[in-house]
N, C-alpha and C. Protein backbone atom coordinates (compact mmCIF):
# COMPACT_ATOMS: atom_id res chain seq x y z
N UNK A 1 0.71 -1.11 -0.05
CA UNK A 1 0.09 -0.27 0.05
C UNK A 1 0.92 1.41 0.16
N UNK A 2 2.03 1.29 0.56
CA UNK A 2 2.63 2.48 0.88
C UNK A 2 3.41 2.66 -0.74
N UNK A 3 3.79 1.87 -1.58
CA UNK A 3 4.08 2.24 -2.83
C UNK A 3 3.30 2.85 -3.86
N UNK A 4 1.78 2.44 -3.36
CA UNK A 4 0.69 3.07 -4.20
C UNK A 4 0.62 4.51 -3.76
N UNK A 5 0.75 4.73 -2.52
CA UNK A 5 0.74 5.98 -2.13
C UNK A 5 1.68 7.17 -2.41
N UNK A 6 3.24 6.50 -2.88
CA UNK A 6 4.00 7.09 -3.28
C UNK A 6 3.69 7.62 -4.71
N UNK A 7 2.97 6.55 -5.40
CA UNK A 7 2.78 6.54 -6.89
C UNK A 7 1.85 7.81 -6.95
N UNK A 8 0.84 7.67 -6.21
CA UNK A 8 -0.44 8.83 -6.52
C UNK A 8 0.44 10.01 -6.01
N UNK A 9 1.01 9.97 -5.09
CA UNK A 9 1.84 11.47 -4.43
C UNK A 9 2.74 11.87 -5.83
N UNK A 10 3.56 11.23 -6.40
CA UNK A 10 4.27 11.46 -7.48
C UNK A 10 3.31 12.15 -8.66
N UNK A 11 2.15 11.30 -8.92
CA UNK A 11 1.34 11.75 -10.12
C UNK A 11 0.85 13.26 -9.75
N UNK A 12 0.31 13.40 -8.37
CA UNK A 12 -0.09 14.43 -8.03
C UNK A 12 0.91 15.79 -8.07
N UNK A 13 2.06 15.70 -7.60
CA UNK A 13 3.09 16.52 -7.80
C UNK A 13 3.57 16.73 -9.30
N UNK A 14 3.30 16.00 -10.15
CA UNK A 14 3.46 16.25 -11.48
C UNK A 14 2.53 16.97 -12.06
N UNK A 15 1.33 16.66 -11.88
CA UNK A 15 0.17 17.49 -12.13
C UNK A 15 0.29 18.80 -12.00
N UNK A 16 0.77 18.98 -10.53
CA UNK A 16 1.13 20.26 -10.25
C UNK A 16 2.09 21.35 -10.85
N UNK A 17 2.95 20.46 -10.91
CA UNK A 17 4.16 21.23 -11.62
C UNK A 17 3.92 21.51 -13.07
N UNK A 18 2.82 20.59 -13.96
CA UNK A 18 2.66 21.04 -15.07
C UNK A 18 1.75 21.91 -15.27
N UNK A 19 0.63 22.14 -14.08
CA UNK A 19 -0.18 23.21 -13.93
C UNK A 19 0.50 24.55 -13.68
N UNK A 20 1.46 24.63 -12.93
CA UNK A 20 1.90 25.98 -12.57
C UNK A 20 3.09 26.29 -13.73
N UNK A 21 3.72 25.29 -14.45
CA UNK A 21 4.24 25.64 -15.55
C UNK A 21 3.52 26.33 -16.94
N UNK A 22 2.30 25.84 -17.07
CA UNK A 22 1.27 26.14 -17.86
C UNK A 22 0.86 27.85 -17.66
N UNK A 23 0.77 28.11 -16.35
CA UNK A 23 0.34 29.11 -15.84
C UNK A 23 1.51 30.33 -16.32
N UNK A 24 2.65 29.74 -15.80
CA UNK A 24 3.74 30.47 -15.91
C UNK A 24 3.94 30.95 -17.49
N UNK A 25 3.69 29.88 -18.21
CA UNK A 25 4.08 30.30 -19.78
C UNK A 25 2.88 31.22 -20.37
N UNK A 26 1.82 30.92 -20.00
CA UNK A 26 0.86 31.95 -20.20
C UNK A 26 1.00 33.28 -19.90
N UNK A 27 1.47 33.51 -18.60
CA UNK A 27 1.60 34.86 -18.16
C UNK A 27 2.73 35.53 -18.80
N UNK A 28 4.06 34.70 -19.04
CA UNK A 28 5.11 35.12 -19.83
C UNK A 28 4.56 35.64 -21.51
N UNK A 29 3.57 34.88 -21.99
CA UNK A 29 3.28 35.19 -23.52
C UNK A 29 2.50 36.40 -23.57
N UNK A 30 1.59 36.77 -22.27
CA UNK A 30 0.67 37.83 -22.15
C UNK A 30 1.63 39.07 -22.14
N UNK A 31 2.81 38.81 -21.25
CA UNK A 31 3.75 39.99 -20.91
C UNK A 31 4.29 40.35 -22.04
N UNK A 32 4.66 39.50 -22.73
CA UNK A 32 5.50 39.59 -24.29
C UNK A 32 4.64 40.31 -25.07
N UNK A 33 3.46 40.24 -25.17
CA UNK A 33 2.47 40.62 -26.17
C UNK A 33 2.14 41.99 -25.70
N UNK A 34 2.04 42.34 -24.59
CA UNK A 34 1.56 43.51 -23.96
C UNK A 34 2.93 44.70 -24.01
N UNK A 35 3.92 44.40 -24.09
CA UNK A 35 4.64 45.04 -23.90
C UNK A 35 5.58 45.04 -25.30
N UNK A 36 4.94 44.42 -26.48
CA UNK A 36 5.59 44.51 -27.54
C UNK A 36 5.31 45.76 -28.41
N UNK A 37 6.52 46.55 -28.65
CA UNK A 37 6.00 47.91 -29.19
C UNK A 37 6.14 47.79 -30.71
N UNK A 38 5.36 48.44 -31.59
CA UNK A 38 5.22 48.50 -32.86
C UNK A 38 6.38 49.31 -33.47
N UNK A 39 6.55 48.69 -34.62
CA UNK A 39 8.04 49.57 -35.29
C UNK A 39 7.46 50.92 -35.64
N UNK A 40 8.26 51.72 -35.45
CA UNK A 40 7.78 53.11 -35.81
C UNK A 40 7.69 53.50 -37.13
N UNK A 41 6.54 53.86 -37.49
CA UNK A 41 6.34 54.32 -38.96
C UNK A 41 6.37 55.91 -39.12
N UNK A 42 7.11 56.38 -40.38
CA UNK A 42 7.30 57.65 -40.47
C UNK A 42 5.96 58.21 -40.89
N UNK A 43 5.67 59.77 -41.13
CA UNK A 43 4.61 59.89 -41.63
C UNK A 43 4.16 59.57 -42.98
N UNK A 44 4.93 59.54 -43.86
CA UNK A 44 4.68 59.13 -45.25
C UNK A 44 4.56 57.68 -45.15
N UNK A 45 4.81 56.67 -44.38
CA UNK A 45 4.61 55.04 -44.35
C UNK A 45 3.14 55.33 -43.84
N UNK A 46 2.74 56.06 -42.76
CA UNK A 46 1.38 55.96 -42.42
C UNK A 46 0.50 56.52 -43.38
N UNK A 47 0.51 57.49 -44.59
CA UNK A 47 -0.33 58.02 -45.38
C UNK A 47 -0.09 57.14 -46.79
N UNK A 48 0.81 56.29 -47.02
CA UNK A 48 0.67 55.74 -48.11
C UNK A 48 -0.37 54.71 -48.57
N UNK A 49 -0.77 54.11 -49.32
CA UNK A 49 -1.95 53.63 -49.70
C UNK A 49 -1.43 52.20 -49.41
N UNK A 50 -2.22 50.83 -48.67
CA UNK A 50 -1.65 49.90 -48.68
C UNK A 50 -2.58 48.76 -49.23
N UNK A 51 -3.84 49.25 -49.78
CA UNK A 51 -4.63 48.16 -50.51
C UNK A 51 -4.20 48.65 -52.08
N UNK A 52 -4.06 47.10 -52.57
CA UNK A 52 -3.70 47.33 -54.05
C UNK A 52 -4.64 46.14 -54.59
N UNK A 53 -5.37 46.65 -55.75
CA UNK A 53 -6.11 45.80 -56.72
C UNK A 53 -5.43 45.15 -57.48
N UNK A 54 -5.26 43.73 -57.29
CA UNK A 54 -4.44 42.97 -57.97
C UNK A 54 -5.27 42.12 -58.69
N UNK A 55 -4.83 41.30 -59.81
CA UNK A 55 -5.55 40.14 -60.35
C UNK A 55 -6.22 38.94 -59.58
N UNK A 56 -5.66 38.92 -58.54
CA UNK A 56 -6.15 38.18 -57.51
C UNK A 56 -7.39 38.39 -56.70
N UNK A 57 -7.19 39.57 -56.51
CA UNK A 57 -8.36 40.45 -55.64
C UNK A 57 -9.58 40.40 -56.71
N UNK A 58 -9.35 41.03 -57.96
CA UNK A 58 -10.42 40.86 -58.97
C UNK A 58 -11.13 39.65 -59.23
N UNK A 59 -10.23 38.57 -59.15
CA UNK A 59 -10.69 37.23 -59.46
C UNK A 59 -11.76 37.08 -58.15
N UNK A 60 -11.36 37.41 -56.97
CA UNK A 60 -12.23 37.09 -55.68
C UNK A 60 -13.50 37.67 -55.87
N UNK A 61 -13.57 39.08 -56.34
CA UNK A 61 -14.92 39.71 -56.21
C UNK A 61 -15.56 39.32 -57.43
N UNK A 62 -14.92 38.80 -58.42
CA UNK A 62 -15.65 38.32 -59.51
C UNK A 62 -16.65 37.07 -59.14
N UNK A 63 -15.76 36.03 -58.56
CA UNK A 63 -16.35 34.72 -58.22
C UNK A 63 -17.19 35.21 -57.06
N UNK A 64 -17.17 35.68 -56.29
CA UNK A 64 -17.93 35.99 -54.95
C UNK A 64 -19.14 36.87 -55.30
N UNK A 65 -19.48 37.28 -56.39
CA UNK A 65 -20.26 38.36 -56.76
C UNK A 65 -21.76 37.84 -56.64
N UNK A 66 -22.60 38.44 -55.95
CA UNK A 66 -24.07 37.87 -55.94
C UNK A 66 -24.62 37.95 -57.23
N UNK A 67 -25.46 37.14 -57.86
CA UNK A 67 -26.08 36.86 -59.42
C UNK A 67 -26.83 38.21 -59.25
N UNK A 68 -26.97 38.60 -60.53
CA UNK A 68 -27.85 39.84 -60.85
C UNK A 68 -29.63 39.40 -60.32
N UNK A 69 -30.23 40.10 -59.98
CA UNK A 69 -31.43 40.20 -59.48
C UNK A 69 -32.32 40.12 -60.87
N UNK A 70 -33.31 39.32 -60.82
CA UNK A 70 -34.38 39.21 -62.05
C UNK A 70 -35.49 39.70 -61.61
N UNK A 71 -35.88 41.01 -62.20
CA UNK A 71 -37.30 41.33 -61.53
C UNK A 71 -38.29 41.65 -62.34
């Protein structure tokens, strides 16, 4: 019976270590994302156009267009 108690104790301690490690990793990830500073952009970078109509975008709109209504 004593061996079984030791085995249960080891399992419980392992689960405790895993839970504590998971919490620590989650806290570190949250801290890293909260304090990540974005790269500084100049005024011209902020003002430039970022949306470019390419052939892929034209094809997407063509394929996903609703059919014309017949009235």
